[in-house]
Every structure is written in C-alpha cells, then in structure tokens.
Amino acid sequence: MAYPSSILWYDYETYGIRFERDRIVQFACIRTDLNLNQIEDAEEFHSKISDDYLPDPAACLVHGYTPDDVIDYALSEADFTERVYRILSQPNTCSVGYNTESFDHKFTQHLFFRNLRDPYAWHWDKGNSKWDVIDLVRQTAFLRPGVINAKRTERGKSFKLSDIAAANNIQISKAHDALSDVMTTINIIKLIKEKAPDLYDLNFKMRLKENVIDFLEEHWQSPILLTSRFIPSELNHTSLVVPICSHPSFSSRYIAYDLRRDIGILSSKTPEELKQLLFSKNTEAKENIDRPGFVTIDTSKSPALWNISSSKVHLEWEMEFQLSSSQALQKITNLDEIINHCFKYEDKEIDPKLDIEETLYTGIFTSDHDRRKLSEIIVSLNNSESVSLIDFQDSLRLRRLSKRYMARNFYQLMSDNDKKNWRLFVRNRLMAEDVYGVSMIKRNMLLIDESISKHTSAEDLWILNSLLGRVKKIALKYDIDV
C-alpha cells in the first residue's frame, strides 16, 4: 500500500449512540501532513434528518443541536453523505479519530450504506487507510506515564477525550463540538509524536493489516503487550498476552490469551462451559474472575501492540509468573478443540424483524453489479431523472434502501403512489410499539418530558422544547394522536 500523503482527522456529533439507527448532525475535519501540520482549511457542516427519525434528547443536551436549530443551513442527508464521502475517499488518505472504531467509523459505514454508497472502500481503496488513536493514548499512558497523564477514577484511568485533555493541560475550545474535538485530538497526538515517537511510529504502522500480521508472526506464541478497550480499565486497558492461533472463522482476526487469567481453567472446564463463561455477562461470571483469558486481536482495527523486550518501564504485574503461565499454555493438549468450540462462527438466519438499514453487518455484501446500479441511481436522482429499481441482484434489500433514499432526499421526484406509501411507512414506524407497548413517538415524548422535569437552565429547556415542538409537528403531519 502506498504511504499516505495526508491524515484526515475527523469527528461527528450525533443524535444518539446507536450507529445502526441514529443519525449524524455535525461533521468536522482537519487535514494534516504526516508531521501533523495543517495543510487545508478545516471543514464543518451539518445534516438534516427525515420525519421517520426522532433524536435522543440526552444526546442533544450534550452537544446542543436540535433538528430545527440547524434546518436553515444543514444539508440534506444525501448531500451531507456525498460531501463526507468525497473527503474521506480522497486518494492516499489516512482517516483518523478518537475512539473511531467503536463509534465514528461505524457511523460512517452506516451513513454510506443508508445512502447507497460503498460502506467500506473509503478506508482501503486508492491507498487509503483508517486509524483509531485511543489505544495509542492508553498505551502511552501505561508505558510512558510522563508523556501522557490520565485522570484516575474508582475504576481506573479515564480516557475520555475531555479528561485526557484536562490532565495534560490541553485546552478545549468547546466540549462536544466536532471541530473542537478534532483539534483536541490532534494536539494530544502531537504530544505523543514529539515525546514518544517510537510508540507513535509503531501504532501508525499498525493501521495496516499486513503490518499487524507481521508483528504477530514475529512474536508468535511469545508474550507481548496488548492495549485494548476489552481489557478492563482497572488494568489500564493493558495486559500481557500470547498470540496462539488464527481465528477459526475470520481471516482478519487472531486469538491470544491474557496471561493475567488463570490457565488452569482450560483444563478444569469443558469447552462448552468455557464458552458460556467467555460470552456471559460480567455479573454471571463473578465480575470476570472466572473467565478464560481468550482475547481477539483484529488486524483490521489498528490494535495497539508492544514488544516487552523493548519496554523500558516496570510492568505492574508479576512478570516471572506470567511468563511461566505462557509456557503452561503450550501444554494444554486440547487447545485447538477449545478455541474451535468457543469461536467457530455458526451461520444464523437474519432476523426477519431486523430493519433493512440494520443489516450491514449480517454478512451480506453488495455485488459489483449492484454497486454500479446504486451509483447510477445517485447520478440520475441528482439530475432529476427517473430511476429503475428492478435490476438489482440483491433486489429486496437494495430496492427498499433506494426507495427510502429517494423519499428522504428526492421526495418531489416520487410518484403519487410512492409518496403515499412513504407517508404510511413513516406513520407506522413512529407508531411501532416496543416490548412495553409504548410507541416510538410516545416514548420519545416521555423522554423529553422527563428531561424537562430534571433540567432548569434556560439553554437546556430551549433544546428540549425545540425537540418537543418537532415531535408535535410530526404527529400532526401524520395524523398521530399523542
């Protein structure tokens, strides 16, 4: 892969935290060279939302945006998507953010999927890549605490962006604003690049799958340091692990064993018992005490790895004991059987109740033919031309996606019958009841009313009343009794 010519630092503010359902309100980015010097003007813009979606009031109280607040200057979601897609897809771009693998990258993929764009090509095609720097920050705080300070809490160190900035005297111009968060992230990473260049350089290399694989093969069945959100915060998100095998179902993943965990459990439990412990909730597994120590290393998600022989700090656990545990691991005779039983993926039928926009991660991939067809639809609609939705190979899913895309962004081009069907769809979605028998629109109003009863500031009440006013207008528009 060609070396990137620029790094694109980006961030979203959203109307909720469910990437498969919630919508984006703000995008911001800054493009830098590889030395983290800004090379283009910052970009920032906003998106409108359609009537079939209601924001989470808690999210709006965090960033301060409401749909009615941005309606005069926000882009349609189609135009918003096109602009984001063009920025992230610029050749030889490395797209970077803070906690992006858990949040922003997933929102990006679903934004593109919902709006008929390829959800993945932006981070692998044309020399492009992606990188989540939160584990670099965690790793630096662990290995070089003099470089990055982290606020201590009852459960360990806090790696919230605002807490890391405060602990390292980095000013935030406006918390929970996308552009401000981008600037804050750059300043934190500049600190690491300047004072711990070896950590920065290795983690930058690990954004590429082939470099991760090379590192794992070089240290195969030898202890290495792994920093990951899946390792508890009270352990500084870092532990000594041993890579032991490739994942039995996913070629981009490897299985390692956390040497803090008891290896004896692998001999004392059956493979089925180990699987139940591994995937049970914390409360069902005595707060992690009895869990087997298997961890997954995904080579496509820039894992933070470190060779312990190059570490110049004292590790906080009994290294000698953990190294002996590594040797004991190799003596488990049925290890392959255990791993296959725990991690072998079994094909499951897609839940027919799953909304079509939530099927991105179900293993159904769009063919080259259908991607070309989707591109043709986008061009035709932008030119105010009629489109045909009958030539898809994945006909049901892509026809539904395309019709929703048209209704949300090109309503004026739809036939009278399609307009009628869209209004019926919106009404049915808003009136759909949850397991407690409460409709989506009623639940949203209850959340807003509850928030109004708990907040007293004029700014918060303005936000909440703006949301309430929108819900009432939508209810009236679609003849819904609330």
Protein backbone atom coordinates (compact mmCIF):
# COMPACT_ATOMS: atom_id res chain seq x y z
CA MET A 1 0.00 0.00 0.00
CA ALA A 2 1.24 3.48 -0.87
CA TYR A 3 2.27 5.67 2.06
CA PRO A 4 -0.49 8.19 2.84
CA SER A 5 0.04 11.71 1.59
CA SER A 6 -2.19 13.17 4.28
CA ILE A 7 -4.01 12.41 7.53
CA LEU A 8 -7.68 13.32 7.76
CA TRP A 9 -8.71 13.92 11.39
CA TYR A 10 -12.48 13.79 11.72
CA ASP A 11 -15.30 13.62 14.24
CA TYR A 12 -19.08 13.51 14.40
CA GLU A 13 -21.73 14.78 16.74
CA THR A 14 -24.77 12.54 16.58
CA TYR A 15 -28.38 12.36 17.75
CA GLY A 16 -27.72 9.11 19.63
CA ILE A 17 -25.17 6.34 20.17
CA ARG A 18 -26.73 3.52 18.11
CA PHE A 19 -24.69 3.62 14.92
CA GLU A 20 -27.09 1.34 13.03
CA ARG A 21 -30.12 3.57 13.80
CA ASP A 22 -29.12 7.03 14.96
CA ARG A 23 -28.29 9.98 12.72
CA ILE A 24 -25.38 12.40 12.43
CA VAL A 25 -25.89 16.12 12.97
CA GLN A 26 -22.34 17.51 12.57
CA PHE A 27 -19.18 16.51 10.71
CA ALA A 28 -15.85 18.28 11.10
CA CYS A 29 -12.36 17.54 9.84
CA ILE A 30 -8.84 18.89 9.55
CA ARG A 31 -6.35 17.55 7.01
CA THR A 32 -2.67 17.48 8.02
CA ASP A 33 0.56 16.26 6.53
CA LEU A 34 2.38 13.32 8.12
CA ASN A 35 4.07 15.69 10.58
CA LEU A 36 0.61 16.76 11.77
CA ASN A 37 0.84 20.25 10.27
CA GLN A 38 -2.49 21.51 8.95
CA ILE A 39 -2.47 21.73 5.13
CA GLU A 40 -6.09 22.66 4.32
CA ASP A 41 -8.81 24.81 5.84
CA ALA A 42 -10.91 22.98 8.40
CA GLU A 43 -14.31 21.81 7.18
CA GLU A 44 -17.50 21.68 9.21
CA PHE A 45 -21.10 21.12 8.11
CA HIS A 46 -24.40 19.70 9.34
CA SER A 47 -27.10 17.30 8.23
CA LYS A 48 -30.89 17.40 8.23
CA ILE A 49 -32.93 14.39 9.32
CA SER A 50 -36.14 12.91 7.96
CA ASP A 51 -39.51 12.61 9.69
CA ASP A 52 -39.11 8.88 10.38
CA TYR A 53 -36.34 9.55 12.91
CA LEU A 54 -36.55 11.12 16.40
CA PRO A 55 -33.35 12.20 18.19
CA ASP A 56 -32.42 11.08 21.69
CA PRO A 57 -32.92 14.17 23.90
CA ALA A 58 -29.93 13.14 26.07
CA ALA A 59 -27.62 13.41 23.06
CA CYS A 60 -29.00 16.84 22.12
CA LEU A 61 -28.37 18.10 25.65
CA VAL A 62 -24.72 17.07 25.29
CA HIS A 63 -23.88 18.87 22.04
CA GLY A 64 -26.68 21.45 21.97
CA TYR A 65 -28.01 20.81 18.45
CA THR A 66 -31.63 20.11 17.52
CA PRO A 67 -33.07 19.38 14.04
CA ASP A 68 -34.97 22.68 13.97
CA ASP A 69 -31.86 24.55 15.13
CA VAL A 70 -29.80 23.52 12.07
CA ILE A 71 -32.57 23.29 9.46
CA ASP A 72 -31.79 26.64 7.80
CA TYR A 73 -28.16 25.78 6.98
CA ALA A 74 -27.91 21.98 7.18
CA LEU A 75 -27.54 19.82 4.07
CA SER A 76 -29.91 17.08 3.05
CA GLU A 77 -28.55 13.73 4.21
CA ALA A 78 -27.80 12.87 0.55
CA ASP A 79 -25.68 16.00 0.06
CA PHE A 80 -24.11 15.57 3.51
CA THR A 81 -23.17 11.99 2.64
CA GLU A 82 -21.73 12.94 -0.74
CA ARG A 83 -19.52 15.59 0.84
CA VAL A 84 -18.27 13.30 3.62
CA TYR A 85 -17.68 10.50 1.09
CA ARG A 86 -15.64 12.78 -1.15
CA ILE A 87 -13.48 13.97 1.75
CA LEU A 88 -12.77 10.54 3.24
CA SER A 89 -12.24 8.93 -0.18
CA GLN A 90 -9.53 11.32 -1.36
CA PRO A 91 -6.68 9.04 -2.53
CA ASN A 92 -3.83 8.24 -0.10
CA THR A 93 -5.78 9.49 2.91
CA CYS A 94 -5.49 8.01 6.39
CA SER A 95 -8.75 8.78 8.24
CA VAL A 96 -8.16 9.19 11.96
CA GLY A 97 -10.18 9.90 15.05
CA TYR A 98 -10.52 9.25 18.77
CA ASN A 99 -12.48 6.09 19.63
CA THR A 100 -13.47 5.82 15.98
CA GLU A 101 -13.50 2.01 15.77
CA SER A 102 -16.28 1.92 18.35
CA PHE A 103 -18.14 4.98 17.13
CA ASP A 104 -17.25 7.24 14.19
CA HIS A 105 -16.11 4.57 11.71
CA LYS A 106 -19.31 2.60 12.37
CA PHE A 107 -21.46 5.70 11.90
CA THR A 108 -19.58 6.37 8.65
CA GLN A 109 -20.21 2.88 7.34
CA HIS A 110 -23.93 3.04 8.13
CA LEU A 111 -24.26 6.57 6.75
CA PHE A 112 -22.81 5.39 3.44
CA PHE A 113 -24.85 2.17 3.42
CA ARG A 114 -28.11 4.02 4.11
CA ASN A 115 -27.29 6.50 1.35
CA LEU A 116 -26.30 3.96 -1.34
CA ARG A 117 -22.52 4.42 -1.14
CA ASP A 118 -19.93 1.71 -0.66
CA PRO A 119 -19.60 1.48 3.14
CA TYR A 120 -16.00 0.20 3.14
CA ALA A 121 -13.99 1.39 0.11
CA TRP A 122 -13.22 4.78 1.68
CA HIS A 123 -10.72 3.19 4.09
CA TRP A 124 -8.97 0.65 1.87
CA ASP A 125 -9.21 1.70 -1.80
CA LYS A 126 -6.82 4.09 -3.60
CA GLY A 127 -4.11 3.81 -0.95
CA ASN A 128 -6.46 4.79 1.89
CA SER A 129 -6.44 3.55 5.47
CA LYS A 130 -8.03 4.27 8.86
CA TRP A 131 -6.65 4.57 12.38
CA ASP A 132 -8.20 4.88 15.82
CA VAL A 133 -5.74 6.63 18.16
CA ILE A 134 -7.44 5.99 21.52
CA ASP A 135 -5.37 2.86 22.18
CA LEU A 136 -2.18 4.78 21.34
CA VAL A 137 -3.15 7.22 24.10
CA ARG A 138 -3.91 4.36 26.52
CA GLN A 139 -0.68 2.59 25.65
CA THR A 140 1.38 5.77 26.11
CA ALA A 141 -0.21 6.47 29.49
CA PHE A 142 0.78 2.94 30.55
CA LEU A 143 4.28 2.71 29.10
CA ARG A 144 5.28 6.40 29.33
CA PRO A 145 3.21 7.98 32.11
CA GLY A 146 5.44 11.06 31.98
CA VAL A 147 4.33 11.73 28.43
CA ILE A 148 0.56 11.29 28.81
CA ASN A 149 -1.22 11.75 32.12
CA ALA A 150 -4.62 10.19 32.73
CA LYS A 151 -7.21 11.10 35.35
CA ARG A 152 -7.67 8.37 37.95
CA THR A 153 -11.17 7.24 38.88
CA GLU A 154 -12.52 4.50 41.11
CA ARG A 155 -12.46 2.09 38.18
CA GLY A 156 -9.05 3.06 36.83
CA LYS A 157 -7.81 5.74 34.48
CA SER A 158 -10.27 7.75 32.42
CA PHE A 159 -9.56 8.07 28.70
CA LYS A 160 -12.48 10.31 27.79
CA LEU A 161 -11.14 12.92 25.39
CA SER A 162 -12.05 15.80 27.70
CA ASP A 163 -10.38 14.11 30.70
CA ILE A 164 -7.16 13.39 28.79
CA ALA A 165 -7.06 16.98 27.54
CA ALA A 166 -7.54 18.37 31.05
CA ALA A 167 -4.94 16.04 32.57
CA ASN A 168 -2.37 17.22 30.02
CA ASN A 169 -3.19 20.95 30.09
CA ILE A 170 -4.63 20.93 26.57
CA GLN A 171 -7.38 23.49 26.19
CA ILE A 172 -10.72 22.57 24.62
CA SER A 173 -12.45 25.47 22.91
CA LYS A 174 -15.89 23.82 23.13
CA ALA A 175 -16.54 20.37 24.56
CA HIS A 176 -18.67 18.01 22.45
CA ASP A 177 -18.26 20.06 19.32
CA ALA A 178 -16.92 18.06 16.37
CA LEU A 179 -14.35 20.62 15.19
CA SER A 180 -13.14 21.33 18.72
CA ASP A 181 -12.77 17.60 19.38
CA VAL A 182 -10.73 17.20 16.19
CA MET A 183 -8.35 19.97 17.25
CA THR A 184 -8.05 18.48 20.73
CA THR A 185 -7.24 15.04 19.32
CA ILE A 186 -4.51 16.44 17.06
CA ASN A 187 -2.89 18.30 19.98
CA ILE A 188 -2.87 15.17 22.16
CA ILE A 189 -1.31 13.05 19.41
CA LYS A 190 1.24 15.78 18.64
CA LEU A 191 2.38 15.45 22.26
CA ILE A 192 2.91 11.72 21.85
CA LYS A 193 4.62 12.06 18.47
CA GLU A 194 7.05 14.60 19.94
CA LYS A 195 7.84 12.84 23.24
CA ALA A 196 7.29 9.15 22.42
CA PRO A 197 7.99 8.87 18.68
CA ASP A 198 8.65 5.13 18.89
CA LEU A 199 5.14 4.49 20.21
CA TYR A 200 3.61 6.80 17.63
CA ASP A 201 5.51 5.25 14.73
CA LEU A 202 4.67 1.66 15.68
CA ASN A 203 0.98 2.42 16.16
CA PHE A 204 0.84 4.33 12.88
CA LYS A 205 2.24 1.23 11.16
CA MET A 206 -0.37 -0.94 12.89
CA ARG A 207 -3.18 0.80 11.00
CA LEU A 208 -2.31 -1.60 8.17
CA LYS A 209 -3.42 -5.22 8.46
CA GLU A 210 -0.25 -6.62 6.88
CA ASN A 211 1.97 -4.89 9.45
CA VAL A 212 -0.10 -6.29 12.33
CA ILE A 213 0.20 -9.78 10.87
CA ASP A 214 3.98 -9.39 10.51
CA PHE A 215 4.25 -8.29 14.15
CA LEU A 216 2.16 -11.22 15.40
CA GLU A 217 4.11 -13.74 13.35
CA GLU A 218 7.39 -12.31 14.61
CA HIS A 219 6.21 -12.79 18.22
CA TRP A 220 4.18 -15.95 17.68
CA GLN A 221 3.41 -17.74 20.97
CA SER A 222 5.59 -15.22 22.80
CA PRO A 223 4.32 -12.66 25.35
CA ILE A 224 3.52 -9.20 24.00
CA LEU A 225 1.67 -6.23 25.44
CA LEU A 226 -1.86 -5.60 24.16
CA THR A 227 -3.79 -2.41 24.91
CA SER A 228 -7.49 -2.68 24.23
CA ARG A 229 -10.88 -1.47 25.42
CA PHE A 230 -11.74 -5.13 26.03
CA ILE A 231 -9.18 -5.24 28.84
CA PRO A 232 -10.72 -3.64 31.98
CA SER A 233 -9.90 -0.02 32.79
CA GLU A 234 -8.76 -1.00 36.28
CA LEU A 235 -5.98 -2.91 34.49
CA ASN A 236 -5.11 0.20 32.47
CA HIS A 237 -6.64 -1.49 29.42
CA THR A 238 -3.27 -3.26 29.03
CA SER A 239 -2.17 -6.81 29.63
CA LEU A 240 0.45 -9.37 28.72
CA VAL A 241 -0.94 -11.73 26.08
CA VAL A 242 0.30 -14.60 23.95
CA PRO A 243 -0.84 -14.93 20.31
CA ILE A 244 -1.78 -18.58 19.92
CA CYS A 245 -3.73 -19.11 16.68
CA SER A 246 -5.68 -17.54 13.87
CA HIS A 247 -9.41 -17.14 14.33
CA PRO A 248 -11.29 -20.23 13.10
CA SER A 249 -13.90 -18.15 11.22
CA PHE A 250 -12.50 -14.69 10.41
CA SER A 251 -9.24 -14.34 8.48
CA SER A 252 -8.53 -10.83 9.80
CA ARG A 253 -8.60 -11.92 13.47
CA TYR A 254 -6.24 -13.80 15.77
CA ILE A 255 -6.77 -15.38 19.16
CA ALA A 256 -4.45 -14.57 22.07
CA TYR A 257 -4.51 -15.50 25.75
CA ASP A 258 -4.41 -12.92 28.53
CA LEU A 259 -1.73 -14.11 30.94
CA ARG A 260 -3.38 -12.38 33.87
CA ARG A 261 -6.07 -15.04 33.64
CA ASP A 262 -5.91 -18.49 35.20
CA ILE A 263 -4.78 -21.05 32.65
CA GLY A 264 -5.88 -23.93 34.88
CA ILE A 265 -9.49 -23.17 33.98
CA LEU A 266 -8.81 -24.53 30.49
CA SER A 267 -8.20 -27.96 31.98
CA SER A 268 -10.89 -27.90 34.67
CA LYS A 269 -13.81 -26.86 32.46
CA THR A 270 -15.37 -28.41 29.37
CA PRO A 271 -15.24 -26.47 26.07
CA GLU A 272 -18.96 -25.68 26.42
CA GLU A 273 -18.53 -24.42 29.99
CA LEU A 274 -15.63 -22.22 28.83
CA LYS A 275 -17.76 -20.81 26.01
CA GLN A 276 -20.57 -19.96 28.42
CA LEU A 277 -18.14 -18.19 30.76
CA LEU A 278 -16.39 -16.38 27.92
CA PHE A 279 -19.54 -14.85 26.46
CA SER A 280 -21.65 -14.41 29.59
CA LYS A 281 -22.32 -11.04 31.15
CA ASN A 282 -19.97 -9.80 33.88
CA THR A 283 -22.45 -10.48 36.66
CA GLU A 284 -22.82 -14.06 35.50
CA ALA A 285 -19.07 -14.65 35.60
CA LYS A 286 -18.23 -13.20 39.02
CA GLU A 287 -17.09 -9.87 37.60
CA ASN A 288 -14.63 -11.51 35.18
CA ILE A 289 -12.76 -13.51 37.86
CA ASP A 290 -13.57 -16.91 36.39
CA ARG A 291 -13.47 -16.06 32.72
CA PRO A 292 -11.00 -17.81 30.42
CA GLY A 293 -8.40 -15.36 29.14
CA PHE A 294 -9.05 -15.54 25.40
CA VAL A 295 -8.90 -12.18 23.64
CA THR A 296 -9.36 -11.37 19.96
CA ILE A 297 -6.86 -9.25 18.04
CA ASP A 298 -8.46 -7.77 14.92
CA THR A 299 -5.75 -6.90 12.40
CA SER A 300 -8.13 -4.51 10.58
CA LYS A 301 -8.69 -2.27 13.61
CA SER A 302 -5.21 -0.86 14.35
CA PRO A 303 -4.52 -2.85 17.56
CA ALA A 304 -2.00 -1.35 19.99
CA LEU A 305 0.78 -3.94 20.41
CA TRP A 306 4.21 -3.70 22.01
CA ASN A 307 7.25 -5.94 22.27
CA ILE A 308 8.01 -6.36 26.00
CA SER A 309 11.73 -6.71 25.35
CA SER A 310 11.79 -3.10 24.14
CA SER A 311 9.86 -1.79 27.13
CA LYS A 312 11.83 0.45 29.48
CA VAL A 313 9.24 0.59 32.25
CA HIS A 314 8.46 -1.68 35.16
CA LEU A 315 5.36 -3.71 34.42
CA GLU A 316 2.82 -3.71 37.23
CA TRP A 317 2.29 -7.45 37.49
CA GLU A 318 4.46 -10.44 38.32
CA MET A 319 6.26 -10.91 35.01
CA GLU A 320 8.03 -14.08 36.04
CA PHE A 321 4.73 -15.76 36.96
CA GLN A 322 3.08 -14.63 33.72
CA LEU A 323 5.95 -15.91 31.60
CA SER A 324 5.71 -19.30 33.27
CA SER A 325 1.98 -19.22 32.52
CA SER A 326 2.86 -18.72 28.86
CA GLN A 327 4.82 -21.96 28.93
CA ALA A 328 1.97 -23.75 30.71
CA LEU A 329 -0.42 -22.64 27.98
CA GLN A 330 1.50 -24.65 25.41
CA LYS A 331 0.85 -27.83 27.43
CA ILE A 332 -2.96 -27.66 27.05
CA THR A 333 -3.46 -30.64 24.73
CA ASN A 334 -7.00 -29.82 23.55
CA LEU A 335 -6.45 -26.09 22.98
CA ASP A 336 -7.48 -26.29 19.31
CA GLU A 337 -10.72 -28.03 20.26
CA ILE A 338 -11.49 -25.39 22.90
CA ILE A 339 -10.85 -22.48 20.53
CA ASN A 340 -12.90 -24.01 17.72
CA HIS A 341 -15.80 -24.62 20.07
CA CYS A 342 -15.66 -21.11 21.53
CA PHE A 343 -15.04 -19.10 18.38
CA LYS A 344 -16.28 -21.07 15.38
CA TYR A 345 -18.92 -18.89 13.75
CA GLU A 346 -22.21 -20.54 13.01
CA ASP A 347 -24.29 -19.08 10.20
CA LYS A 348 -27.56 -17.75 11.52
CA GLU A 349 -30.66 -16.73 9.69
CA ILE A 350 -31.16 -12.99 9.60
CA ASP A 351 -33.93 -11.94 11.93
CA PRO A 352 -36.86 -11.05 9.64
CA LYS A 353 -37.81 -8.30 12.11
CA LEU A 354 -34.43 -6.61 11.63
CA ASP A 355 -34.84 -3.32 9.79
CA ILE A 356 -33.20 -3.29 6.37
CA GLU A 357 -30.91 -0.41 7.40
CA GLU A 358 -29.51 -2.54 10.23
CA THR A 359 -28.34 -5.42 8.02
CA LEU A 360 -24.90 -4.05 7.12
CA TYR A 361 -23.02 -6.40 9.46
CA THR A 362 -25.06 -9.51 8.72
CA GLY A 363 -22.56 -10.85 6.19
CA ILE A 364 -24.47 -9.81 3.06
CA PHE A 365 -22.13 -7.98 0.69
CA THR A 366 -23.20 -5.88 -2.27
CA SER A 367 -22.06 -7.21 -5.66
CA ASP A 368 -20.10 -5.12 -8.17
CA HIS A 369 -23.18 -5.10 -10.39
CA ASP A 370 -25.36 -3.67 -7.63
CA ARG A 371 -22.76 -1.08 -6.63
CA ARG A 372 -22.73 0.20 -10.23
CA LYS A 373 -26.52 0.26 -10.19
CA LEU A 374 -26.56 2.27 -6.95
CA SER A 375 -24.11 4.78 -8.44
CA GLU A 376 -26.37 5.16 -11.47
CA ILE A 377 -29.36 5.84 -9.21
CA ILE A 378 -27.46 8.59 -7.35
CA VAL A 379 -26.46 10.27 -10.63
CA SER A 380 -29.99 10.04 -12.06
CA LEU A 381 -31.63 11.48 -8.96
CA ASN A 382 -29.10 14.33 -8.80
CA ASN A 383 -30.11 15.11 -12.41
CA SER A 384 -33.82 14.94 -11.50
CA GLU A 385 -34.27 11.88 -13.71
CA SER A 386 -36.49 8.88 -13.08
CA VAL A 387 -34.81 5.67 -11.94
CA SER A 388 -35.44 1.94 -12.24
CA LEU A 389 -35.20 -0.24 -9.12
CA ILE A 390 -35.78 -3.62 -10.73
CA ASP A 391 -32.28 -4.56 -11.86
CA PHE A 392 -30.69 -5.46 -8.51
CA GLN A 393 -29.24 -8.87 -7.73
CA ASP A 394 -29.90 -8.25 -4.01
CA SER A 395 -33.32 -6.99 -5.03
CA LEU A 396 -35.36 -6.82 -1.82
CA ARG A 397 -32.80 -5.10 0.38
CA LEU A 398 -31.45 -2.62 -2.16
CA ARG A 399 -34.87 -1.72 -3.56
CA ARG A 400 -36.03 -0.82 -0.05
CA LEU A 401 -32.88 1.17 0.67
CA SER A 402 -33.19 3.02 -2.62
CA LYS A 403 -36.85 3.89 -2.07
CA ARG A 404 -36.10 5.27 1.39
CA TYR A 405 -33.16 7.23 -0.02
CA MET A 406 -35.43 8.76 -2.66
CA ALA A 407 -38.19 9.59 -0.17
CA ARG A 408 -35.84 11.28 2.31
CA ASN A 409 -33.90 13.29 -0.25
CA PHE A 410 -35.84 13.47 -3.55
CA TYR A 411 -39.46 13.36 -2.43
CA GLN A 412 -40.55 15.64 -5.27
CA LEU A 413 -39.44 13.05 -7.85
CA MET A 414 -41.60 10.26 -6.46
CA SER A 415 -44.90 9.13 -7.92
CA ASP A 416 -48.08 9.88 -6.01
CA ASN A 417 -48.38 6.21 -5.05
CA ASP A 418 -44.80 6.09 -3.73
CA LYS A 419 -45.42 9.28 -1.75
CA LYS A 420 -48.49 7.69 -0.20
CA ASN A 421 -46.50 4.56 0.68
CA TRP A 422 -43.73 6.65 2.25
CA ARG A 423 -46.16 8.54 4.46
CA LEU A 424 -47.64 5.22 5.55
CA PHE A 425 -44.14 3.88 6.29
CA VAL A 426 -43.28 6.93 8.43
CA ARG A 427 -46.54 6.72 10.34
CA ASN A 428 -46.15 3.00 11.00
CA ARG A 429 -42.55 3.43 12.14
CA LEU A 430 -43.44 6.22 14.56
CA MET A 431 -46.35 4.20 15.94
CA ALA A 432 -44.42 0.92 16.23
CA GLU A 433 -44.58 -0.29 19.84
CA ASP A 434 -41.70 -1.53 21.97
CA VAL A 435 -41.86 -4.57 24.26
CA TYR A 436 -43.73 -2.44 26.82
CA GLY A 437 -46.44 -1.48 24.35
CA VAL A 438 -45.27 2.13 24.04
CA SER A 439 -44.97 3.62 20.55
CA MET A 440 -41.73 5.15 19.28
CA ILE A 441 -43.18 8.67 19.17
CA LYS A 442 -44.79 8.36 22.61
CA ARG A 443 -41.54 7.02 24.10
CA ASN A 444 -39.64 9.98 22.67
CA MET A 445 -42.16 12.44 24.15
CA LEU A 446 -41.90 10.73 27.54
CA LEU A 447 -38.11 11.05 27.45
CA ILE A 448 -38.37 14.73 26.59
CA ASP A 449 -40.95 15.39 29.33
CA GLU A 450 -38.79 13.54 31.86
CA SER A 451 -35.76 15.62 30.87
CA ILE A 452 -37.76 18.86 31.15
CA SER A 453 -38.68 17.93 34.73
CA LYS A 454 -35.00 17.45 35.62
CA HIS A 455 -33.40 20.48 33.93
CA THR A 456 -33.68 24.11 34.92
CA SER A 457 -31.18 26.00 32.74
CA ALA A 458 -32.65 28.18 30.01
CA GLU A 459 -30.36 26.62 27.39
CA ASP A 460 -31.37 23.05 28.25
CA LEU A 461 -35.06 23.90 28.34
CA TRP A 462 -34.78 25.61 24.94
CA ILE A 463 -33.24 22.45 23.47
CA LEU A 464 -35.89 20.20 24.99
CA ASN A 465 -38.80 22.42 23.95
CA SER A 466 -37.39 22.57 20.42
CA LEU A 467 -37.41 18.75 20.32
CA LEU A 468 -40.91 18.61 21.77
CA GLY A 469 -42.18 21.10 19.21
CA ARG A 470 -40.78 18.99 16.37
CA VAL A 471 -42.41 15.83 17.68
CA LYS A 472 -45.78 17.56 17.92
CA LYS A 473 -45.47 18.91 14.35
CA ILE A 474 -44.64 15.43 13.05
CA ALA A 475 -47.56 13.90 14.97
CA LEU A 476 -49.92 16.44 13.42
CA LYS A 477 -48.46 15.93 9.93
CA TYR A 478 -49.00 12.15 10.05
CA ASP A 479 -52.27 12.24 11.97
CA ILE A 480 -50.89 10.56 15.10
CA ASP A 481 -52.68 11.04 18.39
CA VAL A 482 -50.18 11.81 21.17
